[in-house]
Every structure is written in structure tokens, then in C-alpha cells.
Protein backbone atom coordinates (compact mmCIF):
# COMPACT_ATOMS: atom_id res chain seq x y z
CA MET A 1 -22.98 -1.18 -37.42
CA LEU A 2 -20.18 -3.07 -36.13
CA PRO A 3 -16.47 -2.40 -37.57
CA PRO A 4 -14.11 -4.75 -39.31
CA ILE A 5 -12.33 -7.20 -37.00
CA PRO A 6 -8.90 -6.07 -36.52
CA PRO A 7 -6.10 -7.76 -39.07
CA GLY A 8 -4.53 -10.16 -35.80
CA TRP A 9 -7.77 -11.53 -35.48
CA ARG A 10 -9.27 -11.21 -38.86
CA SER A 11 -8.69 -15.04 -40.04
CA LEU A 12 -9.62 -16.57 -36.82
CA LEU A 13 -12.87 -15.34 -36.01
CA LYS A 14 -14.04 -15.07 -39.93
CA GLY A 15 -16.25 -17.84 -39.45
CA GLU A 16 -17.95 -16.24 -36.94
CA THR A 17 -18.89 -13.03 -38.59
CA GLY A 18 -21.37 -14.75 -40.78
CA LYS A 19 -23.40 -16.68 -38.43
CA PRO A 20 -26.88 -15.69 -37.71
CA TYR A 21 -26.19 -14.66 -34.10
CA TYR A 22 -23.09 -12.47 -35.33
CA ARG A 23 -25.31 -10.76 -37.49
CA ALA A 24 -28.46 -10.42 -35.21
CA LEU A 25 -25.95 -8.77 -32.81
CA ASP A 26 -25.14 -6.45 -35.66
CA SER A 27 -28.67 -5.62 -36.32
CA PHE A 28 -29.72 -4.89 -32.62
CA LEU A 29 -26.43 -2.58 -32.25
CA ALA A 30 -28.03 -0.74 -35.30
CA GLN A 31 -31.49 -0.55 -34.02
CA GLU A 32 -30.17 0.86 -30.69
CA LEU A 33 -28.57 3.86 -32.62
CA ALA A 34 -31.68 4.22 -34.62
CA ASP A 35 -33.60 4.45 -31.57
CA GLY A 36 -31.41 7.47 -30.49
CA GLN A 37 -29.42 5.44 -28.02
CA THR A 38 -25.82 6.29 -27.43
CA ILE A 39 -23.49 3.18 -27.57
CA LEU A 40 -20.38 2.81 -25.63
CA PRO A 41 -17.44 2.79 -26.51
CA ALA A 42 -17.65 4.58 -29.80
CA ARG A 43 -17.77 2.52 -32.86
CA LYS A 44 -14.16 2.67 -33.66
CA ASP A 45 -13.22 1.59 -30.53
CA ILE A 46 -15.34 -1.55 -30.03
CA PHE A 47 -12.63 -4.00 -31.06
CA ASN A 48 -9.63 -2.07 -29.68
CA ALA A 49 -8.59 -4.75 -27.22
CA LEU A 50 -8.11 -7.05 -30.22
CA ALA A 51 -6.25 -4.28 -32.23
CA ALA A 52 -4.04 -3.82 -29.00
CA THR A 53 -2.85 -7.18 -28.77
CA SER A 54 -2.85 -9.50 -31.47
CA TYR A 55 -3.41 -13.10 -31.22
CA GLU A 56 0.21 -14.17 -31.42
CA GLN A 57 1.32 -11.96 -28.54
CA VAL A 58 -1.44 -13.06 -26.10
CA ARG A 59 0.21 -14.46 -23.29
CA VAL A 60 -2.14 -13.24 -20.58
CA LEU A 61 -5.90 -12.80 -21.14
CA LEU A 62 -7.90 -10.49 -18.22
CA VAL A 63 -11.62 -11.13 -18.80
CA GLY A 64 -13.87 -8.45 -17.34
CA GLN A 65 -17.72 -8.19 -17.86
CA ASP A 66 -18.55 -5.12 -19.84
CA PRO A 67 -17.75 -1.47 -20.60
CA TYR A 68 -17.90 1.38 -18.34
CA PRO A 69 -21.48 2.67 -18.91
CA THR A 70 -20.55 6.46 -18.20
CA PRO A 71 -19.72 8.41 -21.45
CA GLY A 72 -16.24 8.98 -22.18
CA GLN A 73 -14.89 6.33 -20.12
CA ALA A 74 -14.80 2.98 -21.89
CA HIS A 75 -12.51 2.59 -25.01
CA GLY A 76 -12.29 -1.03 -25.72
CA LEU A 77 -9.92 -1.88 -23.19
CA CYS A 78 -11.57 -3.58 -19.91
CA PHE A 79 -11.03 -1.38 -16.94
CA SER A 80 -9.01 1.30 -18.88
CA VAL A 81 -10.16 4.58 -19.57
CA GLN A 82 -8.19 7.41 -21.80
CA PRO A 83 -5.42 9.04 -20.30
CA THR A 84 -7.75 12.33 -19.32
CA VAL A 85 -10.51 10.90 -17.88
CA ARG A 86 -10.98 12.30 -14.16
CA PRO A 87 -11.81 10.66 -11.78
CA LEU A 88 -11.04 7.08 -12.34
CA PRO A 89 -13.82 4.51 -12.27
CA PHE A 90 -13.74 2.94 -8.84
CA SER A 91 -12.90 -0.34 -10.00
CA LEU A 92 -9.80 0.71 -11.40
CA ARG A 93 -8.94 2.61 -8.44
CA ASN A 94 -9.18 -0.84 -6.70
CA VAL A 95 -6.86 -2.46 -9.27
CA TYR A 96 -4.82 0.47 -8.43
CA ARG A 97 -4.51 -0.72 -4.69
CA GLU A 98 -4.00 -4.21 -5.15
CA LEU A 99 -1.20 -3.44 -7.65
CA ARG A 100 0.36 -0.99 -4.73
CA GLU A 101 -0.40 -3.72 -1.88
CA ASP A 102 0.98 -6.81 -4.08
CA LEU A 103 4.09 -5.34 -6.07
CA GLY A 104 4.61 -2.25 -4.51
CA CYS A 105 3.55 -0.12 -7.76
CA GLN A 106 2.98 3.36 -7.69
CA ILE A 107 -0.55 4.76 -8.16
CA PRO A 108 -0.45 6.86 -11.30
CA ASN A 109 -2.07 9.80 -12.53
CA ASN A 110 -4.13 7.64 -15.00
CA GLY A 111 -6.27 4.91 -16.02
CA TYR A 112 -4.58 4.06 -19.24
CA LEU A 113 -3.99 0.31 -19.33
CA LYS A 114 -2.76 0.17 -22.82
CA PRO A 115 0.96 -0.33 -21.63
CA TRP A 116 -0.29 -4.04 -20.33
CA ALA A 117 -1.63 -4.66 -23.97
CA GLY A 118 1.91 -3.98 -25.52
CA GLN A 119 2.87 -6.59 -23.22
CA GLY A 120 0.72 -9.66 -24.37
CA ILE A 121 -2.38 -8.92 -22.11
CA LEU A 122 -5.27 -9.55 -23.68
CA MET A 123 -8.06 -7.06 -22.14
CA LEU A 124 -11.35 -8.23 -22.92
CA ASN A 125 -15.11 -7.95 -21.43
CA THR A 126 -17.43 -10.65 -21.58
CA VAL A 127 -19.49 -8.40 -23.44
CA LEU A 128 -18.17 -5.57 -25.68
CA THR A 129 -20.76 -3.10 -25.91
CA VAL A 130 -23.85 -1.16 -23.63
CA ARG A 131 -26.10 1.37 -23.75
CA ALA A 132 -24.99 4.75 -22.39
CA HIS A 133 -25.92 4.82 -18.17
CA LYS A 134 -27.21 1.50 -17.85
CA ALA A 135 -25.09 -1.45 -17.29
CA ASN A 136 -25.13 -5.15 -18.50
CA SER A 137 -27.73 -3.36 -20.74
CA HIS A 138 -26.39 -5.36 -24.18
CA GLN A 139 -25.93 -9.01 -22.25
CA GLY A 140 -27.44 -11.77 -23.89
CA ARG A 141 -27.14 -10.18 -27.38
CA GLY A 142 -24.70 -12.37 -28.85
CA TRP A 143 -21.45 -11.02 -27.36
CA GLU A 144 -20.88 -13.83 -24.96
CA ARG A 145 -20.53 -16.57 -27.58
CA PHE A 146 -18.35 -14.13 -29.41
CA THR A 147 -16.07 -13.88 -26.78
CA ASP A 148 -16.44 -17.34 -25.75
CA ARG A 149 -14.93 -18.10 -29.19
CA MET A 150 -12.21 -15.52 -28.47
CA ILE A 151 -11.16 -17.41 -25.39
CA GLU A 152 -11.46 -20.66 -26.90
CA LEU A 153 -9.30 -19.49 -29.63
CA VAL A 154 -6.51 -18.32 -26.79
CA ALA A 155 -7.10 -21.83 -25.02
CA GLU A 156 -5.85 -23.44 -28.26
CA LYS A 157 -2.56 -21.77 -27.91
CA ARG A 158 0.62 -24.19 -27.15
CA THR A 159 2.51 -22.14 -24.91
CA ARG A 160 1.29 -21.14 -21.48
CA VAL A 161 -1.40 -18.24 -21.13
CA VAL A 162 -2.38 -16.93 -18.02
CA PHE A 163 -6.25 -16.08 -17.56
CA LEU A 164 -7.18 -13.56 -15.43
CA LEU A 165 -11.10 -13.96 -14.34
CA TRP A 166 -12.61 -11.09 -12.68
CA GLY A 167 -15.85 -11.70 -11.18
CA ARG A 168 -18.78 -14.23 -11.80
CA GLU A 169 -19.44 -13.76 -15.41
CA ALA A 170 -15.64 -14.07 -16.05
CA GLN A 171 -15.07 -16.92 -13.91
CA LYS A 172 -18.10 -19.09 -15.76
CA LYS A 173 -15.35 -18.83 -18.84
CA GLN A 174 -13.09 -21.48 -16.39
CA LYS A 175 -14.99 -24.11 -18.56
CA LEU A 176 -13.47 -22.97 -21.73
CA ILE A 177 -10.03 -23.69 -20.56
CA ALA A 178 -9.28 -27.40 -20.61
CA GLN A 179 -5.68 -27.52 -21.66
CA SER A 180 -3.82 -28.10 -18.31
CA HIS A 181 -0.62 -26.23 -19.65
CA HIS A 182 -2.48 -22.74 -18.89
CA ALA A 183 -2.72 -21.01 -15.51
CA VAL A 184 -6.16 -19.86 -14.17
CA ILE A 185 -6.19 -17.49 -11.67
CA MET A 186 -10.09 -16.34 -10.50
CA CYS A 187 -10.86 -13.53 -8.14
CA ALA A 188 -13.56 -11.43 -7.22
CA HIS A 189 -14.63 -8.53 -9.18
CA PRO A 190 -12.47 -5.08 -8.12
CA SER A 191 -15.91 -3.45 -8.11
CA PRO A 192 -16.77 -1.59 -4.74
CA LEU A 193 -19.56 -4.28 -4.33
CA SER A 194 -16.82 -7.09 -3.95
CA VAL A 195 -13.93 -5.37 -3.49
CA ARG A 196 -13.29 -6.90 -0.29
CA LYS A 197 -13.03 -9.98 -1.80
CA PHE A 198 -10.76 -8.71 -4.37
CA SER A 199 -8.37 -7.17 -1.80
CA GLY A 200 -5.62 -9.30 -1.13
CA CYS A 201 -5.70 -11.63 -4.13
CA ARG A 202 -2.20 -11.04 -5.28
CA CYS A 203 -3.49 -11.76 -8.59
CA PHE A 204 -0.46 -9.54 -10.43
CA SER A 205 2.48 -11.34 -8.52
CA HIS A 206 0.68 -14.92 -8.92
CA THR A 207 0.59 -13.92 -12.97
CA ASN A 208 3.98 -13.20 -13.42
CA LYS A 209 5.19 -16.51 -11.09
CA ASN A 210 3.20 -18.59 -13.36
CA LEU A 211 4.62 -16.83 -16.31
CA ALA A 212 8.15 -17.53 -15.08
CA GLU A 213 7.57 -21.13 -14.46
CA ALA A 214 6.55 -21.32 -18.16
CA GLY A 215 10.10 -19.87 -18.92
CA LEU A 216 8.21 -16.31 -19.69
CA ALA A 217 8.97 -13.01 -19.31
CA PRO A 218 7.01 -11.38 -16.11
CA ILE A 219 4.62 -8.25 -16.99
CA ASP A 220 5.60 -5.08 -15.82
CA TRP A 221 2.60 -3.91 -14.18
CA GLN A 222 3.51 -0.36 -13.51
CA ILE A 223 1.38 2.00 -15.51
CA PRO A 224 3.54 5.03 -16.51
CA ASP A 225 2.09 8.78 -15.51
CA VAL A 226 0.97 10.96 -18.37
């Protein structure tokens, strides 16, 4: 069921795809489909984050939880939705409000975050699939081990990477980032349940500050209108 790993990550992750946990994950997803369940995002989009940002490009790693469970929203980049999706998910609206308060960014007319991926932001959920209408339904099935390995690989990069860990599940990944030349910024999740703690975190300006300190170009966080 699982699609091939995109070329920019394939050689790094080839050791994972043959392991029993990965095969069990693949079998679980195939059974979900056989049982008539809808899996989100679509098969072709499951590894979109890897396709959009190669290993060599990564300089910011944004870690979320699991995909949006509402059909038509998730497309493989955490917190992002396709350009035509309306209304925007509440979490993404809260991200845009913080961007406006932090950096003065205009709130765009869409939720398509792929322009961030092109600047070296890997937008990774800790779990890469979900059953439609049932949040967190694919936790504990093997995705966490796979994405942990991805985080470890990014942490092995010799140039600075800023790790943005949003929410409790993402913050657990701090233990995978032992290298002192990286920066770790931990915030509450921007969901309505925790947005009061997310608001005012200024994580976007802090990210740019940490990149600048390492001699790296800042991120242009403004998402263009479509």
C-alpha cells in the first residue's frame, strides 16, 4: 500500500523499509483499505513532505502530530491544506494569527504551505496517515519509529537545523536531537485546545534569529495569495 520513498530520502531510509515494523505498518494500512476505511492523505501524498524537501535542503524541521482527519484537507505537509480548501482548519488559522503578530505577515487567502517547503522547511507529522474522521487513529502502528529515524537523520546534519516542535507529541522528540549546534524551539500546539499557550510564542522570528546566528538566510514566512 505504501508508495516508494521519494528519491531525496530513499538511500537514507532504505534500511527502514525492509524492517518488520515497516512491513507490519504497510500490512495494517492495506487491511484498513480492505475493510473499507478511507486513509488520509491519499496514497500518492503520504510522503509529500519528503518529496517537497530533500534531505540536503532541510534547515528547519517543523514537527506536528498527525494529518487532518477531514477528507480533502491533508496532503502530506503538516498543517498545510490544498489551495482550494475553505474554510481553513482552526489550527492553521491560529498559525496565521501568530505569524501576523510575530512578523506582520498578511493572512493569505489559502492554507497551502508548500512555499515553506521550497525554502528548506521539512513539514513532518509524527504519524503520516489517519483514518478519515478519527484523529490519532494510526498512532502506535509504526509511523513513530519511521519518523523518529527521519528526525535522527536530520539531527546528524553538520549545519544548523532549527527544530520547531509544536505540541506534546512533537516535544517528545527533543531527546532525538542531542547535537549542540542545532536549535530547538518548543511551543504548544496551535489547535483551539492549546492556542492560548501557542499565542505569543514568536517561534517564527526566533527561527529566523537562530538561522541568522549560523550565517543562514532567514525564512520568508509570508504565504502568497492564490
